[in-house]
Amino acid sequence: MELVYAGLGLIALAWIIQLYYILRGNREIQPVFVGIYMVAVVLLVVGDILGNLILLSVFELSTLVAAGLVLVKLVIGK
């Protein structure tokens, strides 16, 4: 359960960082936001697997893949 709390905390941190950039006038998705979000989702997936919530972990893995594609586009696609 601690992994889930850590993951959710990191997701909140990632959104705070993204909000900081937006408030400074930069409306682009920040790679650091996506990176922290991905680490958080990995923690959620591991926590779900340890808690035997396999179906939920599959859904979270799909968001991890989508975030990875966004990160690749942000870093390489420029």
PDB file of N, CA and C in Angstrom:
ATOM      1  N   MET A   1       0.823  -1.199   0.000  1.00  0.00           N
ATOM      2  CA  MET A   1       0.000   0.000   0.000  1.00  0.00           C
ATOM      3  C   MET A   1       0.866   1.262   0.000  1.00  0.00           C
ATOM      4  N   GLU A   2       2.057   1.183   0.630  1.00  0.00           N
ATOM      5  CA  GLU A   2       2.944   2.342   0.671  1.00  0.00           C
ATOM      6  C   GLU A   2       3.378   2.760  -0.731  1.00  0.00           C
ATOM      7  N   LEU A   3       3.545   1.780  -1.632  1.00  0.00           N
ATOM      8  CA  LEU A   3       3.924   2.113  -3.009  1.00  0.00           C
ATOM      9  C   LEU A   3       2.842   2.938  -3.688  1.00  0.00           C
ATOM     10  N   VAL A   4       1.601   2.611  -3.417  1.00  0.00           N
ATOM     11  CA  VAL A   4       0.491   3.362  -4.003  1.00  0.00           C
ATOM     12  C   VAL A   4       0.502   4.799  -3.485  1.00  0.00           C
ATOM     13  N   TYR A   5       0.723   4.975  -2.189  1.00  0.00           N
ATOM     14  CA  TYR A   5       0.785   6.328  -1.630  1.00  0.00           C
ATOM     15  C   TYR A   5       1.948   7.112  -2.233  1.00  0.00           C
ATOM     16  N   ALA A   6       3.093   6.463  -2.359  1.00  0.00           N
ATOM     17  CA  ALA A   6       4.254   7.125  -2.960  1.00  0.00           C
ATOM     18  C   ALA A   6       3.958   7.510  -4.406  1.00  0.00           C
ATOM     19  N   GLY A   7       3.323   6.611  -5.148  1.00  0.00           N
ATOM     20  CA  GLY A   7       2.968   6.897  -6.540  1.00  0.00           C
ATOM     21  C   GLY A   7       2.011   8.065  -6.654  1.00  0.00           C
ATOM     22  N   LEU A   8       0.999   8.073  -5.820  1.00  0.00           N
ATOM     23  CA  LEU A   8       0.034   9.179  -5.858  1.00  0.00           C
ATOM     24  C   LEU A   8       0.687  10.494  -5.437  1.00  0.00           C
ATOM     25  N   GLY A   9       1.603  10.433  -4.488  1.00  0.00           N
ATOM     26  CA  GLY A   9       2.333  11.632  -4.082  1.00  0.00           C
ATOM     27  C   GLY A   9       3.186  12.179  -5.218  1.00  0.00           C
ATOM     28  N   LEU A  10       3.832  11.284  -5.959  1.00  0.00           N
ATOM     29  CA  LEU A  10       4.632  11.724  -7.100  1.00  0.00           C
ATOM     30  C   LEU A  10       3.774  12.312  -8.207  1.00  0.00           C
ATOM     31  N   ILE A  11       2.600  11.750  -8.408  1.00  0.00           N
ATOM     32  CA  ILE A  11       1.688  12.309  -9.412  1.00  0.00           C
ATOM     33  C   ILE A  11       1.293  13.735  -9.009  1.00  0.00           C
ATOM     34  N   ALA A  12       1.003  13.930  -7.731  1.00  0.00           N
ATOM     35  CA  ALA A  12       0.674  15.281  -7.256  1.00  0.00           C
ATOM     36  C   ALA A  12       1.857  16.219  -7.465  1.00  0.00           C
ATOM     37  N   LEU A  13       3.067  15.761  -7.155  1.00  0.00           N
ATOM     38  CA  LEU A  13       4.261  16.578  -7.359  1.00  0.00           C
ATOM     39  C   LEU A  13       4.436  16.935  -8.827  1.00  0.00           C
ATOM     40  N   ALA A  14       4.234  15.967  -9.699  1.00  0.00           N
ATOM     41  CA  ALA A  14       4.372  16.214 -11.135  1.00  0.00           C
ATOM     42  C   ALA A  14       3.395  17.300 -11.588  1.00  0.00           C
ATOM     43  N   TRP A  15       2.168  17.235 -11.113  1.00  0.00           N
ATOM     44  CA  TRP A  15       1.182  18.249 -11.497  1.00  0.00           C
ATOM     45  C   TRP A  15       1.537  19.621 -10.933  1.00  0.00           C
ATOM     46  N   ILE A  16       2.105  19.657  -9.747  1.00  0.00           N
ATOM     47  CA  ILE A  16       2.526  20.940  -9.174  1.00  0.00           C
ATOM     48  C   ILE A  16       3.638  21.549 -10.019  1.00  0.00           C
ATOM     49  N   ILE A  17       4.579  20.717 -10.448  1.00  0.00           N
ATOM     50  CA  ILE A  17       5.657  21.202 -11.315  1.00  0.00           C
ATOM     51  C   ILE A  17       5.093  21.723 -12.633  1.00  0.00           C
ATOM     52  N   GLN A  18       4.175  20.972 -13.234  1.00  0.00           N
ATOM     53  CA  GLN A  18       3.559  21.411 -14.492  1.00  0.00           C
ATOM     54  C   GLN A  18       2.808  22.718 -14.294  1.00  0.00           C
ATOM     55  N   LEU A  19       2.097  22.844 -13.194  1.00  0.00           N
ATOM     56  CA  LEU A  19       1.369  24.081 -12.892  1.00  0.00           C
ATOM     57  C   LEU A  19       2.333  25.250 -12.752  1.00  0.00           C
ATOM     58  N   TYR A  20       3.465  25.034 -12.119  1.00  0.00           N
ATOM     59  CA  TYR A  20       4.474  26.078 -11.979  1.00  0.00           C
ATOM     60  C   TYR A  20       4.877  26.620 -13.348  1.00  0.00           C
ATOM     61  N   TYR A  21       5.150  25.737 -14.291  1.00  0.00           N
ATOM     62  CA  TYR A  21       5.532  26.183 -15.635  1.00  0.00           C
ATOM     63  C   TYR A  21       4.393  26.939 -16.314  1.00  0.00           C
ATOM     64  N   ILE A  22       3.184  26.475 -16.150  1.00  0.00           N
ATOM     65  CA  ILE A  22       2.037  27.143 -16.775  1.00  0.00           C
ATOM     66  C   ILE A  22       1.849  28.539 -16.197  1.00  0.00           C
ATOM     67  N   LEU A  23       1.990  28.663 -14.897  1.00  0.00           N
ATOM     68  CA  LEU A  23       1.829  29.975 -14.268  1.00  0.00           C
ATOM     69  C   LEU A  23       2.920  30.949 -14.693  1.00  0.00           C
ATOM     70  N   ARG A  24       4.061  30.429 -15.118  1.00  0.00           N
ATOM     71  CA  ARG A  24       5.143  31.284 -15.616  1.00  0.00           C
ATOM     72  C   ARG A  24       4.988  31.578 -17.109  1.00  0.00           C
ATOM     73  N   GLY A  25       3.912  31.085 -17.721  1.00  0.00           N
ATOM     74  CA  GLY A  25       3.622  31.405 -19.107  1.00  0.00           C
ATOM     75  C   GLY A  25       4.011  30.336 -20.114  1.00  0.00           C
ATOM     76  N   ASN A  26       4.610  29.253 -19.676  1.00  0.00           N
ATOM     77  CA  ASN A  26       5.001  28.168 -20.578  1.00  0.00           C
ATOM     78  C   ASN A  26       3.894  27.113 -20.573  1.00  0.00           C
ATOM     79  N   ARG A  27       3.121  27.074 -21.627  1.00  0.00           N
ATOM     80  CA  ARG A  27       1.961  26.181 -21.680  1.00  0.00           C
ATOM     81  C   ARG A  27       2.253  24.827 -22.316  1.00  0.00           C
ATOM     82  N   GLU A  28       3.514  24.538 -22.572  1.00  0.00           N
ATOM     83  CA  GLU A  28       3.885  23.238 -23.141  1.00  0.00           C
ATOM     84  C   GLU A  28       3.972  22.184 -22.040  1.00  0.00           C
ATOM     85  N   ILE A  29       3.719  20.952 -22.409  1.00  0.00           N
ATOM     86  CA  ILE A  29       3.899  19.846 -21.474  1.00  0.00           C
ATOM     87  C   ILE A  29       5.395  19.695 -21.221  1.00  0.00           C
ATOM     88  N   GLN A  30       5.774  19.650 -19.969  1.00  0.00           N
ATOM     89  CA  GLN A  30       7.180  19.579 -19.594  1.00  0.00           C
ATOM     90  C   GLN A  30       7.644  18.121 -19.510  1.00  0.00           C
ATOM     91  N   PRO A  31       8.815  17.809 -20.080  1.00  0.00           N
ATOM     92  CA  PRO A  31       9.342  16.447 -19.975  1.00  0.00           C
ATOM     93  C   PRO A  31       9.520  15.987 -18.530  1.00  0.00           C
ATOM     94  N   VAL A  32       9.885  16.891 -17.636  1.00  0.00           N
ATOM     95  CA  VAL A  32      10.054  16.504 -16.231  1.00  0.00           C
ATOM     96  C   VAL A  32       8.715  16.056 -15.633  1.00  0.00           C
ATOM     97  N   PHE A  33       7.642  16.707 -16.034  1.00  0.00           N
ATOM     98  CA  PHE A  33       6.307  16.293 -15.588  1.00  0.00           C
ATOM     99  C   PHE A  33       6.016  14.862 -16.026  1.00  0.00           C
ATOM    100  N   VAL A  34       6.249  14.586 -17.301  1.00  0.00           N
ATOM    101  CA  VAL A  34       5.954  13.255 -17.837  1.00  0.00           C
ATOM    102  C   VAL A  34       6.861  12.212 -17.186  1.00  0.00           C
ATOM    103  N   GLY A  35       8.126  12.553 -16.985  1.00  0.00           N
ATOM    104  CA  GLY A  35       9.057  11.609 -16.368  1.00  0.00           C
ATOM    105  C   GLY A  35       8.654  11.232 -14.949  1.00  0.00           C
ATOM    106  N   ILE A  36       8.312  12.241 -14.146  1.00  0.00           N
ATOM    107  CA  ILE A  36       7.876  11.962 -12.772  1.00  0.00           C
ATOM    108  C   ILE A  36       6.574  11.178 -12.781  1.00  0.00           C
ATOM    109  N   TYR A  37       5.676  11.528 -13.681  1.00  0.00           N
ATOM    110  CA  TYR A  37       4.404  10.805 -13.802  1.00  0.00           C
ATOM    111  C   TYR A  37       4.651   9.331 -14.119  1.00  0.00           C
ATOM    112  N   MET A  38       5.602   9.068 -15.014  1.00  0.00           N
ATOM    113  CA  MET A  38       5.894   7.678 -15.390  1.00  0.00           C
ATOM    114  C   MET A  38       6.461   6.880 -14.213  1.00  0.00           C
ATOM    115  N   VAL A  39       7.352   7.495 -13.453  1.00  0.00           N
ATOM    116  CA  VAL A  39       7.895   6.820 -12.269  1.00  0.00           C
ATOM    117  C   VAL A  39       6.766   6.515 -11.285  1.00  0.00           C
ATOM    118  N   ALA A  40       5.858   7.465 -11.123  1.00  0.00           N
ATOM    119  CA  ALA A  40       4.727   7.276 -10.226  1.00  0.00           C
ATOM    120  C   ALA A  40       3.835   6.128 -10.680  1.00  0.00           C
ATOM    121  N   VAL A  41       3.587   6.039 -11.967  1.00  0.00           N
ATOM    122  CA  VAL A  41       2.742   4.964 -12.481  1.00  0.00           C
ATOM    123  C   VAL A  41       3.415   3.606 -12.278  1.00  0.00           C
ATOM    124  N   VAL A  42       4.727   3.550 -12.441  1.00  0.00           N
ATOM    125  CA  VAL A  42       5.438   2.292 -12.176  1.00  0.00           C
ATOM    126  C   VAL A  42       5.209   1.871 -10.721  1.00  0.00           C
ATOM    127  N   LEU A  43       5.285   2.823  -9.794  1.00  0.00           N
ATOM    128  CA  LEU A  43       5.022   2.495  -8.395  1.00  0.00           C
ATOM    129  C   LEU A  43       3.592   1.998  -8.192  1.00  0.00           C
ATOM    130  N   LEU A  44       2.646   2.639  -8.868  1.00  0.00           N
ATOM    131  CA  LEU A  44       1.254   2.194  -8.777  1.00  0.00           C
ATOM    132  C   LEU A  44       1.090   0.778  -9.323  1.00  0.00           C
ATOM    133  N   VAL A  45       1.724   0.500 -10.440  1.00  0.00           N
ATOM    134  CA  VAL A  45       1.615  -0.829 -11.058  1.00  0.00           C
ATOM    135  C   VAL A  45       2.194  -1.888 -10.124  1.00  0.00           C
ATOM    136  N   VAL A  46       3.373  -1.629  -9.587  1.00  0.00           N
ATOM    137  CA  VAL A  46       3.991  -2.600  -8.682  1.00  0.00           C
ATOM    138  C   VAL A  46       3.110  -2.803  -7.449  1.00  0.00           C
ATOM    139  N   GLY A  47       2.597  -1.709  -6.895  1.00  0.00           N
ATOM    140  CA  GLY A  47       1.706  -1.824  -5.746  1.00  0.00           C
ATOM    141  C   GLY A  47       0.451  -2.618  -6.065  1.00  0.00           C
ATOM    142  N   ASP A  48      -0.100  -2.413  -7.253  1.00  0.00           N
ATOM    143  CA  ASP A  48      -1.294  -3.159  -7.653  1.00  0.00           C
ATOM    144  C   ASP A  48      -0.997  -4.645  -7.833  1.00  0.00           C
ATOM    145  N   ILE A  49       0.140  -4.944  -8.437  1.00  0.00           N
ATOM    146  CA  ILE A  49       0.504  -6.350  -8.632  1.00  0.00           C
ATOM    147  C   ILE A  49       0.705  -7.023  -7.285  1.00  0.00           C
ATOM    148  N   LEU A  50       1.393  -6.346  -6.364  1.00  0.00           N
ATOM    149  CA  LEU A  50       1.591  -6.919  -5.027  1.00  0.00           C
ATOM    150  C   LEU A  50       0.263  -7.082  -4.293  1.00  0.00           C
ATOM    151  N   GLY A  51      -0.694  -6.217  -4.588  1.00  0.00           N
ATOM    152  CA  GLY A  51      -2.024  -6.306  -3.993  1.00  0.00           C
ATOM    153  C   GLY A  51      -2.968  -7.193  -4.782  1.00  0.00           C
ATOM    154  N   ASN A  52      -2.442  -7.870  -5.794  1.00  0.00           N
ATOM    155  CA  ASN A  52      -3.224  -8.792  -6.631  1.00  0.00           C
ATOM    156  C   ASN A  52      -4.352  -8.086  -7.391  1.00  0.00           C
ATOM    157  N   LEU A  53      -4.100  -6.854  -7.797  1.00  0.00           N
ATOM    158  CA  LEU A  53      -5.064  -6.093  -8.594  1.00  0.00           C
ATOM    159  C   LEU A  53      -4.556  -6.043 -10.033  1.00  0.00           C
ATOM    160  N   ILE A  54      -4.552  -7.180 -10.671  1.00  0.00           N
ATOM    161  CA  ILE A  54      -3.917  -7.328 -11.972  1.00  0.00           C
ATOM    162  C   ILE A  54      -4.615  -6.502 -13.045  1.00  0.00           C
ATOM    163  N   LEU A  55      -5.934  -6.524 -13.079  1.00  0.00           N
ATOM    164  CA  LEU A  55      -6.654  -5.772 -14.104  1.00  0.00           C
ATOM    165  C   LEU A  55      -6.369  -4.271 -13.981  1.00  0.00           C
ATOM    166  N   LEU A  56      -6.345  -3.764 -12.772  1.00  0.00           N
ATOM    167  CA  LEU A  56      -6.039  -2.344 -12.572  1.00  0.00           C
ATOM    168  C   LEU A  56      -4.621  -2.040 -13.041  1.00  0.00           C
ATOM    169  N   SER A  57      -3.687  -2.942 -12.774  1.00  0.00           N
ATOM    170  CA  SER A  57      -2.305  -2.708 -13.209  1.00  0.00           C
ATOM    171  C   SER A  57      -2.200  -2.698 -14.730  1.00  0.00           C
ATOM    172  N   VAL A  58      -3.019  -3.470 -15.418  1.00  0.00           N
ATOM    173  CA  VAL A  58      -3.019  -3.463 -16.884  1.00  0.00           C
ATOM    174  C   VAL A  58      -3.473  -2.096 -17.404  1.00  0.00           C
ATOM    175  N   PHE A  59      -4.511  -1.539 -16.808  1.00  0.00           N
ATOM    176  CA  PHE A  59      -4.973  -0.213 -17.216  1.00  0.00           C
ATOM    177  C   PHE A  59      -3.898   0.844 -16.948  1.00  0.00           C
ATOM    178  N   GLU A  60      -3.248   0.741 -15.799  1.00  0.00           N
ATOM    179  CA  GLU A  60      -2.195   1.703 -15.477  1.00  0.00           C
ATOM    180  C   GLU A  60      -0.998   1.543 -16.407  1.00  0.00           C
ATOM    181  N   LEU A  61      -0.702   0.321 -16.803  1.00  0.00           N
ATOM    182  CA  LEU A  61       0.380   0.105 -17.766  1.00  0.00           C
ATOM    183  C   LEU A  61       0.072   0.781 -19.094  1.00  0.00           C
ATOM    184  N   SER A  62      -1.196   0.805 -19.478  1.00  0.00           N
ATOM    185  CA  SER A  62      -1.557   1.481 -20.731  1.00  0.00           C
ATOM    186  C   SER A  62      -1.298   2.982 -20.620  1.00  0.00           C
ATOM    187  N   THR A  63      -1.533   3.570 -19.450  1.00  0.00           N
ATOM    188  CA  THR A  63      -1.218   4.989 -19.287  1.00  0.00           C
ATOM    189  C   THR A  63       0.290   5.211 -19.266  1.00  0.00           C
ATOM    190  N   LEU A  64       1.031   4.229 -18.770  1.00  0.00           N
ATOM    191  CA  LEU A  64       2.492   4.323 -18.780  1.00  0.00           C
ATOM    192  C   LEU A  64       3.022   4.334 -20.211  1.00  0.00           C
ATOM    193  N   VAL A  65       2.469   3.479 -21.053  1.00  0.00           N
ATOM    194  CA  VAL A  65       2.881   3.436 -22.459  1.00  0.00           C
ATOM    195  C   VAL A  65       2.541   4.766 -23.145  1.00  0.00           C
ATOM    196  N   ALA A  66       1.342   5.273 -22.901  1.00  0.00           N
ATOM    197  CA  ALA A  66       0.950   6.545 -23.512  1.00  0.00           C
ATOM    198  C   ALA A  66       1.859   7.683 -23.048  1.00  0.00           C
ATOM    199  N   ALA A  67       2.168   7.724 -21.767  1.00  0.00           N
ATOM    200  CA  ALA A  67       3.065   8.761 -21.257  1.00  0.00           C
ATOM    201  C   ALA A  67       4.459   8.618 -21.858  1.00  0.00           C
ATOM    202  N   GLY A  68       4.903   7.381 -22.048  1.00  0.00           N
ATOM    203  CA  GLY A  68       6.201   7.151 -22.678  1.00  0.00           C
ATOM    204  C   GLY A  68       6.240   7.674 -24.099  1.00  0.00           C
ATOM    205  N   LEU A  69       5.166   7.471 -24.838  1.00  0.00           N
ATOM    206  CA  LEU A  69       5.094   7.993 -26.203  1.00  0.00           C
ATOM    207  C   LEU A  69       5.108   9.519 -26.220  1.00  0.00           C
ATOM    208  N   VAL A  70       4.416  10.127 -25.271  1.00  0.00           N
ATOM    209  CA  VAL A  70       4.427  11.586 -25.163  1.00  0.00           C
ATOM    210  C   VAL A  70       5.843  12.065 -24.850  1.00  0.00           C
ATOM    211  N   LEU A  71       6.521  11.388 -23.912  1.00  0.00           N
ATOM    212  CA  LEU A  71       7.880  11.790 -23.550  1.00  0.00           C
ATOM    213  C   LEU A  71       8.832  11.668 -24.733  1.00  0.00           C
ATOM    214  N   VAL A  72       8.710  10.598 -25.502  1.00  0.00           N
ATOM    215  CA  VAL A  72       9.557  10.435 -26.681  1.00  0.00           C
ATOM    216  C   VAL A  72       9.315  11.572 -27.653  1.00  0.00           C
ATOM    217  N   LYS A  73       8.057  11.914 -27.884  1.00  0.00           N
ATOM    218  CA  LYS A  73       7.729  13.007 -28.796  1.00  0.00           C
ATOM    219  C   LYS A  73       8.261  14.339 -28.284  1.00  0.00           C
ATOM    220  N   LEU A  74       8.175  14.564 -26.981  1.00  0.00           N
ATOM    221  CA  LEU A  74       8.658  15.813 -26.411  1.00  0.00           C
ATOM    222  C   LEU A  74      10.183  15.938 -26.530  1.00  0.00           C
ATOM    223  N   VAL A  75      10.884  14.844 -26.296  1.00  0.00           N
ATOM    224  CA  VAL A  75      12.341  14.889 -26.261  1.00  0.00           C
ATOM    225  C   VAL A  75      12.949  14.771 -27.646  1.00  0.00           C
ATOM    226  N   ILE A  76      12.459  13.830 -28.444  1.00  0.00           N
ATOM    227  CA  ILE A  76      13.053  13.556 -29.747  1.00  0.00           C
ATOM    228  C   ILE A  76      12.356  14.335 -30.850  1.00  0.00           C
ATOM    229  N   GLY A  77      11.074  14.600 -30.699  1.00  0.00           N
ATOM    230  CA  GLY A  77      10.282  15.181 -31.768  1.00  0.00           C
ATOM    231  C   GLY A  77      10.499  16.654 -32.016  1.00  0.00           C
ATOM    232  N   LYS A  78      11.375  17.281 -31.281  1.00  0.00           N
ATOM    233  CA  LYS A  78      11.570  18.727 -31.459  1.00  0.00           C
ATOM    234  C   LYS A  78      12.461  19.028 -32.617  1.00  0.00           C
TER     235      LYS A  78
END
